[in-house]
């Protein structure tokens, strides 16, 4: 897909926030990225949105390694 516009990226992490209103009732519940964001945060990681140079859209998740945990 085209990705998520920068001005909507924070909203995409909000529970039940659906960005694609044109999909009507056929487009999910708006929980996917909200759940992923919270799980990643609980594990000490981070989530960011990226537009790779080769095109497309990516959600990049970074998690600490066991070595980082000490």
PDB file of N, CA and C in Angstrom:
ATOM      1  N   UNK A   1       0.805  -1.185   0.000  1.00  0.00           N
ATOM      2  CA  UNK A   1       0.000   0.000   0.000  1.00  0.00           C
ATOM      3  C   UNK A   1       0.849   1.249   0.000  1.00  0.00           C
ATOM      4  N   UNK A   2       0.181   2.348   0.029  1.00  0.00           N
ATOM      5  CA  UNK A   2       0.848   3.647  -0.018  1.00  0.00           C
ATOM      6  C   UNK A   2       1.442   4.036   1.326  1.00  0.00           C
ATOM      7  N   UNK A   3       1.104   3.312   2.366  1.00  0.00           N
ATOM      8  CA  UNK A   3       1.631   3.633   3.684  1.00  0.00           C
ATOM      9  C   UNK A   3       0.683   4.512   4.468  1.00  0.00           C
ATOM     10  N   UNK A   4       1.209   5.136   5.487  1.00  0.00           N
ATOM     11  CA  UNK A   4       0.419   5.996   6.367  1.00  0.00           C
ATOM     12  C   UNK A   4       1.012   7.393   6.287  1.00  0.00           C
ATOM     13  N   UNK A   5       0.180   8.361   5.963  1.00  0.00           N
ATOM     14  CA  UNK A   5       0.643   9.746   5.869  1.00  0.00           C
ATOM     15  C   UNK A   5       1.258  10.171   7.198  1.00  0.00           C
ATOM     16  N   UNK A   6       2.344  10.948   7.148  1.00  0.00           N
ATOM     17  CA  UNK A   6       3.011  11.357   8.391  1.00  0.00           C
ATOM     18  C   UNK A   6       2.069  11.972   9.420  1.00  0.00           C
ATOM     19  N   UNK A   7       1.099  12.744   8.986  1.00  0.00           N
ATOM     20  CA  UNK A   7       0.190  13.392   9.941  1.00  0.00           C
ATOM     21  C   UNK A   7      -0.791  12.413  10.582  1.00  0.00           C
ATOM     22  N   UNK A   8      -0.879  11.189  10.057  1.00  0.00           N
ATOM     23  CA  UNK A   8      -1.784  10.178  10.621  1.00  0.00           C
ATOM     24  C   UNK A   8      -1.055   9.080  11.386  1.00  0.00           C
ATOM     25  N   UNK A   9       0.263   9.113  11.402  1.00  0.00           N
ATOM     26  CA  UNK A   9       1.026   8.019  12.000  1.00  0.00           C
ATOM     27  C   UNK A   9       0.765   7.865  13.489  1.00  0.00           C
ATOM     28  N   UNK A  10       0.674   8.936  14.226  1.00  0.00           N
ATOM     29  CA  UNK A  10       0.393   8.823  15.662  1.00  0.00           C
ATOM     30  C   UNK A  10      -1.002   8.253  15.887  1.00  0.00           C
ATOM     31  N   UNK A  11      -1.963   8.678  15.090  1.00  0.00           N
ATOM     32  CA  UNK A  11      -3.335   8.165  15.206  1.00  0.00           C
ATOM     33  C   UNK A  11      -3.381   6.670  14.919  1.00  0.00           C
ATOM     34  N   UNK A  12      -2.499   6.187  14.053  1.00  0.00           N
ATOM     35  CA  UNK A  12      -2.480   4.763  13.706  1.00  0.00           C
ATOM     36  C   UNK A  12      -2.134   3.888  14.902  1.00  0.00           C
ATOM     37  N   UNK A  13      -1.538   4.468  15.932  1.00  0.00           N
ATOM     38  CA  UNK A  13      -1.154   3.721  17.132  1.00  0.00           C
ATOM     39  C   UNK A  13      -2.208   3.812  18.232  1.00  0.00           C
ATOM     40  N   UNK A  14      -3.307   4.490  17.956  1.00  0.00           N
ATOM     41  CA  UNK A  14      -4.390   4.676  18.917  1.00  0.00           C
ATOM     42  C   UNK A  14      -5.415   3.556  18.768  1.00  0.00           C
ATOM     43  N   UNK A  15      -5.770   2.869  19.863  1.00  0.00           N
ATOM     44  CA  UNK A  15      -6.750   1.778  19.762  1.00  0.00           C
ATOM     45  C   UNK A  15      -8.064   2.242  19.131  1.00  0.00           C
ATOM     46  N   UNK A  16      -8.573   1.414  18.252  1.00  0.00           N
ATOM     47  CA  UNK A  16      -9.848   1.598  17.551  1.00  0.00           C
ATOM     48  C   UNK A  16      -9.845   2.754  16.557  1.00  0.00           C
ATOM     49  N   UNK A  17      -8.699   3.330  16.289  1.00  0.00           N
ATOM     50  CA  UNK A  17      -8.595   4.397  15.287  1.00  0.00           C
ATOM     51  C   UNK A  17      -8.428   3.747  13.917  1.00  0.00           C
ATOM     52  N   UNK A  18      -9.399   3.948  13.055  1.00  0.00           N
ATOM     53  CA  UNK A  18      -9.351   3.385  11.702  1.00  0.00           C
ATOM     54  C   UNK A  18      -9.063   4.512  10.731  1.00  0.00           C
ATOM     55  N   UNK A  19      -7.989   4.379   9.979  1.00  0.00           N
ATOM     56  CA  UNK A  19      -7.554   5.453   9.098  1.00  0.00           C
ATOM     57  C   UNK A  19      -8.208   5.394   7.727  1.00  0.00           C
ATOM     58  N   UNK A  20      -8.679   4.242   7.323  1.00  0.00           N
ATOM     59  CA  UNK A  20      -9.244   4.065   5.982  1.00  0.00           C
ATOM     60  C   UNK A  20     -10.764   4.071   6.049  1.00  0.00           C
ATOM     61  N   UNK A  21     -11.338   5.242   6.203  1.00  0.00           N
ATOM     62  CA  UNK A  21     -12.798   5.353   6.323  1.00  0.00           C
ATOM     63  C   UNK A  21     -13.512   4.834   5.083  1.00  0.00           C
ATOM     64  N   UNK A  22     -12.842   4.901   3.933  1.00  0.00           N
ATOM     65  CA  UNK A  22     -13.475   4.435   2.699  1.00  0.00           C
ATOM     66  C   UNK A  22     -13.737   2.928   2.699  1.00  0.00           C
ATOM     67  N   UNK A  23     -13.122   2.198   3.630  1.00  0.00           N
ATOM     68  CA  UNK A  23     -13.327   0.747   3.690  1.00  0.00           C
ATOM     69  C   UNK A  23     -14.619   0.378   4.406  1.00  0.00           C
ATOM     70  N   UNK A  24     -15.274   1.333   5.003  1.00  0.00           N
ATOM     71  CA  UNK A  24     -16.530   1.061   5.701  1.00  0.00           C
ATOM     72  C   UNK A  24     -16.336   0.061   6.816  1.00  0.00           C
ATOM     73  N   UNK A  25     -17.236  -0.908   6.908  1.00  0.00           N
ATOM     74  CA  UNK A  25     -17.153  -1.908   7.973  1.00  0.00           C
ATOM     75  C   UNK A  25     -16.318  -3.112   7.560  1.00  0.00           C
ATOM     76  N   UNK A  26     -15.682  -3.057   6.401  1.00  0.00           N
ATOM     77  CA  UNK A  26     -14.907  -4.187   5.894  1.00  0.00           C
ATOM     78  C   UNK A  26     -13.417  -4.066   6.176  1.00  0.00           C
ATOM     79  N   UNK A  27     -13.016  -3.184   7.076  1.00  0.00           N
ATOM     80  CA  UNK A  27     -11.599  -2.909   7.181  1.00  0.00           C
ATOM     81  C   UNK A  27     -10.949  -3.066   8.522  1.00  0.00           C
ATOM     82  N   UNK A  28     -11.321  -4.027   9.313  1.00  0.00           N
ATOM     83  CA  UNK A  28     -10.636  -4.240  10.577  1.00  0.00           C
ATOM     84  C   UNK A  28     -11.198  -3.394  11.701  1.00  0.00           C
ATOM     85  N   UNK A  29     -10.567  -3.537  12.859  1.00  0.00           N
ATOM     86  CA  UNK A  29     -11.075  -2.877  14.064  1.00  0.00           C
ATOM     87  C   UNK A  29     -10.226  -1.695  14.508  1.00  0.00           C
ATOM     88  N   UNK A  30      -9.073  -1.488  13.881  1.00  0.00           N
ATOM     89  CA  UNK A  30      -8.201  -0.406  14.312  1.00  0.00           C
ATOM     90  C   UNK A  30      -7.351  -0.764  15.516  1.00  0.00           C
ATOM     91  N   UNK A  31      -7.143  -2.051  15.743  1.00  0.00           N
ATOM     92  CA  UNK A  31      -6.354  -2.473  16.905  1.00  0.00           C
ATOM     93  C   UNK A  31      -4.950  -2.964  16.560  1.00  0.00           C
ATOM     94  N   UNK A  32      -4.700  -3.333  15.331  1.00  0.00           N
ATOM     95  CA  UNK A  32      -3.443  -3.981  14.959  1.00  0.00           C
ATOM     96  C   UNK A  32      -2.191  -3.265  15.428  1.00  0.00           C
ATOM     97  N   UNK A  33      -1.950  -2.062  14.912  1.00  0.00           N
ATOM     98  CA  UNK A  33      -0.733  -1.344  15.275  1.00  0.00           C
ATOM     99  C   UNK A  33      -0.741  -0.877  16.721  1.00  0.00           C
ATOM    100  N   UNK A  34      -1.913  -0.625  17.284  1.00  0.00           N
ATOM    101  CA  UNK A  34      -1.992  -0.235  18.698  1.00  0.00           C
ATOM    102  C   UNK A  34      -1.496  -1.372  19.586  1.00  0.00           C
ATOM    103  N   UNK A  35      -1.906  -2.586  19.288  1.00  0.00           N
ATOM    104  CA  UNK A  35      -1.462  -3.750  20.067  1.00  0.00           C
ATOM    105  C   UNK A  35       0.030  -3.970  19.870  1.00  0.00           C
ATOM    106  N   UNK A  36       0.480  -3.945  18.626  1.00  0.00           N
ATOM    107  CA  UNK A  36       1.902  -4.160  18.339  1.00  0.00           C
ATOM    108  C   UNK A  36       2.751  -3.122  19.065  1.00  0.00           C
ATOM    109  N   UNK A  37       2.344  -1.873  19.014  1.00  0.00           N
ATOM    110  CA  UNK A  37       3.095  -0.798  19.662  1.00  0.00           C
ATOM    111  C   UNK A  37       3.236  -1.034  21.162  1.00  0.00           C
ATOM    112  N   UNK A  38       2.169  -1.445  21.800  1.00  0.00           N
ATOM    113  CA  UNK A  38       2.214  -1.676  23.255  1.00  0.00           C
ATOM    114  C   UNK A  38       3.057  -2.898  23.615  1.00  0.00           C
ATOM    115  N   UNK A  39       2.947  -3.962  22.839  1.00  0.00           N
ATOM    116  CA  UNK A  39       3.753  -5.158  23.109  1.00  0.00           C
ATOM    117  C   UNK A  39       5.235  -4.831  22.942  1.00  0.00           C
ATOM    118  N   UNK A  40       5.567  -4.130  21.872  1.00  0.00           N
ATOM    119  CA  UNK A  40       6.960  -3.749  21.633  1.00  0.00           C
ATOM    120  C   UNK A  40       7.475  -2.880  22.783  1.00  0.00           C
ATOM    121  N   UNK A  41       6.691  -1.901  23.219  1.00  0.00           N
ATOM    122  CA  UNK A  41       7.103  -1.031  24.329  1.00  0.00           C
ATOM    123  C   UNK A  41       7.297  -1.822  25.619  1.00  0.00           C
ATOM    124  N   UNK A  42       6.419  -2.784  25.879  1.00  0.00           N
ATOM    125  CA  UNK A  42       6.543  -3.593  27.097  1.00  0.00           C
ATOM    126  C   UNK A  42       7.800  -4.447  27.092  1.00  0.00           C
ATOM    127  N   UNK A  43       8.340  -4.695  25.913  1.00  0.00           N
ATOM    128  CA  UNK A  43       9.575  -5.467  25.799  1.00  0.00           C
ATOM    129  C   UNK A  43      10.795  -4.562  25.658  1.00  0.00           C
ATOM    130  N   UNK A  44      10.604  -3.270  25.894  1.00  0.00           N
ATOM    131  CA  UNK A  44      11.726  -2.337  25.849  1.00  0.00           C
ATOM    132  C   UNK A  44      12.159  -1.950  24.451  1.00  0.00           C
ATOM    133  N   UNK A  45      11.302  -2.160  23.481  1.00  0.00           N
ATOM    134  CA  UNK A  45      11.647  -1.868  22.099  1.00  0.00           C
ATOM    135  C   UNK A  45      11.017  -0.591  21.586  1.00  0.00           C
ATOM    136  N   UNK A  46      11.158  -0.405  20.291  1.00  0.00           N
ATOM    137  CA  UNK A  46      10.585   0.780  19.658  1.00  0.00           C
ATOM    138  C   UNK A  46       9.970   0.400  18.318  1.00  0.00           C
ATOM    139  N   UNK A  47       9.077   1.251  17.861  1.00  0.00           N
ATOM    140  CA  UNK A  47       8.395   1.063  16.587  1.00  0.00           C
ATOM    141  C   UNK A  47       8.471   2.386  15.847  1.00  0.00           C
ATOM    142  N   UNK A  48       8.788   2.313  14.557  1.00  0.00           N
ATOM    143  CA  UNK A  48       8.797   3.530  13.742  1.00  0.00           C
ATOM    144  C   UNK A  48       8.297   3.189  12.345  1.00  0.00           C
ATOM    145  N   UNK A  49       7.851   4.204  11.643  1.00  0.00           N
ATOM    146  CA  UNK A  49       7.386   4.054  10.271  1.00  0.00           C
ATOM    147  C   UNK A  49       8.497   4.502   9.340  1.00  0.00           C
ATOM    148  N   UNK A  50       8.624   3.819   8.199  1.00  0.00           N
ATOM    149  CA  UNK A  50       9.716   4.114   7.279  1.00  0.00           C
ATOM    150  C   UNK A  50       9.234   3.981   5.841  1.00  0.00           C
ATOM    151  N   UNK A  51       9.810   4.772   4.977  1.00  0.00           N
ATOM    152  CA  UNK A  51       9.592   4.674   3.535  1.00  0.00           C
ATOM    153  C   UNK A  51      10.940   4.313   2.919  1.00  0.00           C
ATOM    154  N   UNK A  52      11.209   3.018   2.711  1.00  0.00           N
ATOM    155  CA  UNK A  52      12.507   2.587   2.193  1.00  0.00           C
ATOM    156  C   UNK A  52      12.805   3.210   0.823  1.00  0.00           C
ATOM    157  N   UNK A  53      14.089   3.431   0.510  1.00  0.00           N
ATOM    158  CA  UNK A  53      14.452   4.044  -0.772  1.00  0.00           C
ATOM    159  C   UNK A  53      13.977   3.236  -1.978  1.00  0.00           C
ATOM    160  N   UNK A  54      13.869   1.923  -1.816  1.00  0.00           N
ATOM    161  CA  UNK A  54      13.423   1.084  -2.934  1.00  0.00           C
ATOM    162  C   UNK A  54      11.911   1.140  -3.134  1.00  0.00           C
ATOM    163  N   UNK A  55      11.223   1.882  -2.282  1.00  0.00           N
ATOM    164  CA  UNK A  55       9.781   2.063  -2.415  1.00  0.00           C
ATOM    165  C   UNK A  55       9.009   1.304  -1.356  1.00  0.00           C
ATOM    166  N   UNK A  56       7.735   1.603  -1.274  1.00  0.00           N
ATOM    167  CA  UNK A  56       6.864   0.932  -0.324  1.00  0.00           C
ATOM    168  C   UNK A  56       6.826   1.622   1.027  1.00  0.00           C
ATOM    169  N   UNK A  57       6.367   0.880   1.993  1.00  0.00           N
ATOM    170  CA  UNK A  57       6.178   1.386   3.354  1.00  0.00           C
ATOM    171  C   UNK A  57       6.540   0.267   4.306  1.00  0.00           C
ATOM    172  N   UNK A  58       7.148   0.607   5.425  1.00  0.00           N
ATOM    173  CA  UNK A  58       7.541  -0.412   6.400  1.00  0.00           C
ATOM    174  C   UNK A  58       7.277   0.072   7.815  1.00  0.00           C
ATOM    175  N   UNK A  59       6.885  -0.855   8.661  1.00  0.00           N
ATOM    176  CA  UNK A  59       6.821  -0.615  10.096  1.00  0.00           C
ATOM    177  C   UNK A  59       8.038  -1.337  10.659  1.00  0.00           C
ATOM    178  N   UNK A  60       8.956  -0.584  11.240  1.00  0.00           N
ATOM    179  CA  UNK A  60      10.221  -1.134  11.723  1.00  0.00           C
ATOM    180  C   UNK A  60      10.134  -1.294  13.235  1.00  0.00           C
ATOM    181  N   UNK A  61      10.357  -2.519  13.687  1.00  0.00           N
ATOM    182  CA  UNK A  61      10.322  -2.840  15.113  1.00  0.00           C
ATOM    183  C   UNK A  61      11.741  -3.176  15.553  1.00  0.00           C
ATOM    184  N   UNK A  62      12.181  -2.548  16.626  1.00  0.00           N
ATOM    185  CA  UNK A  62      13.499  -2.826  17.187  1.00  0.00           C
ATOM    186  C   UNK A  62      13.301  -3.316  18.615  1.00  0.00           C
ATOM    187  N   UNK A  63      13.884  -4.477  18.909  1.00  0.00           N
ATOM    188  CA  UNK A  63      13.793  -5.066  20.250  1.00  0.00           C
ATOM    189  C   UNK A  63      15.195  -5.252  20.811  1.00  0.00           C
ATOM    190  N   UNK A  64      15.364  -5.085  22.115  1.00  0.00           N
ATOM    191  CA  UNK A  64      16.680  -5.307  22.711  1.00  0.00           C
ATOM    192  C   UNK A  64      17.041  -6.793  22.678  1.00  0.00           C
ATOM    193  N   UNK A  65      18.333  -7.056  22.636  1.00  0.00           N
ATOM    194  CA  UNK A  65      18.806  -8.437  22.689  1.00  0.00           C
ATOM    195  C   UNK A  65      18.983  -8.857  24.146  1.00  0.00           C
ATOM    196  N   UNK A  66      19.213 -10.130  24.366  1.00  0.00           N
ATOM    197  CA  UNK A  66      19.488 -10.609  25.722  1.00  0.00           C
ATOM    198  C   UNK A  66      20.735  -9.943  26.293  1.00  0.00           C
ATOM    199  N   UNK A  67      21.722  -9.685  25.436  1.00  0.00           N
ATOM    200  CA  UNK A  67      22.946  -9.026  25.892  1.00  0.00           C
ATOM    201  C   UNK A  67      22.649  -7.617  26.401  1.00  0.00           C
ATOM    202  N   UNK A  68      21.678  -6.935  25.777  1.00  0.00           N
ATOM    203  CA  UNK A  68      21.289  -5.593  26.225  1.00  0.00           C
ATOM    204  C   UNK A  68      20.637  -5.630  27.600  1.00  0.00           C
ATOM    205  N   UNK A  69      19.989  -6.742  27.929  1.00  0.00           N
ATOM    206  CA  UNK A  69      19.260  -6.859  29.191  1.00  0.00           C
ATOM    207  C   UNK A  69      20.203  -6.985  30.384  1.00  0.00           C
ATOM    208  N   UNK A  70      21.438  -7.379  30.117  1.00  0.00           N
ATOM    209  CA  UNK A  70      22.422  -7.466  31.197  1.00  0.00           C
ATOM    210  C   UNK A  70      22.347  -8.739  31.867  1.00  0.00           C
TER     211      UNK A  70
END
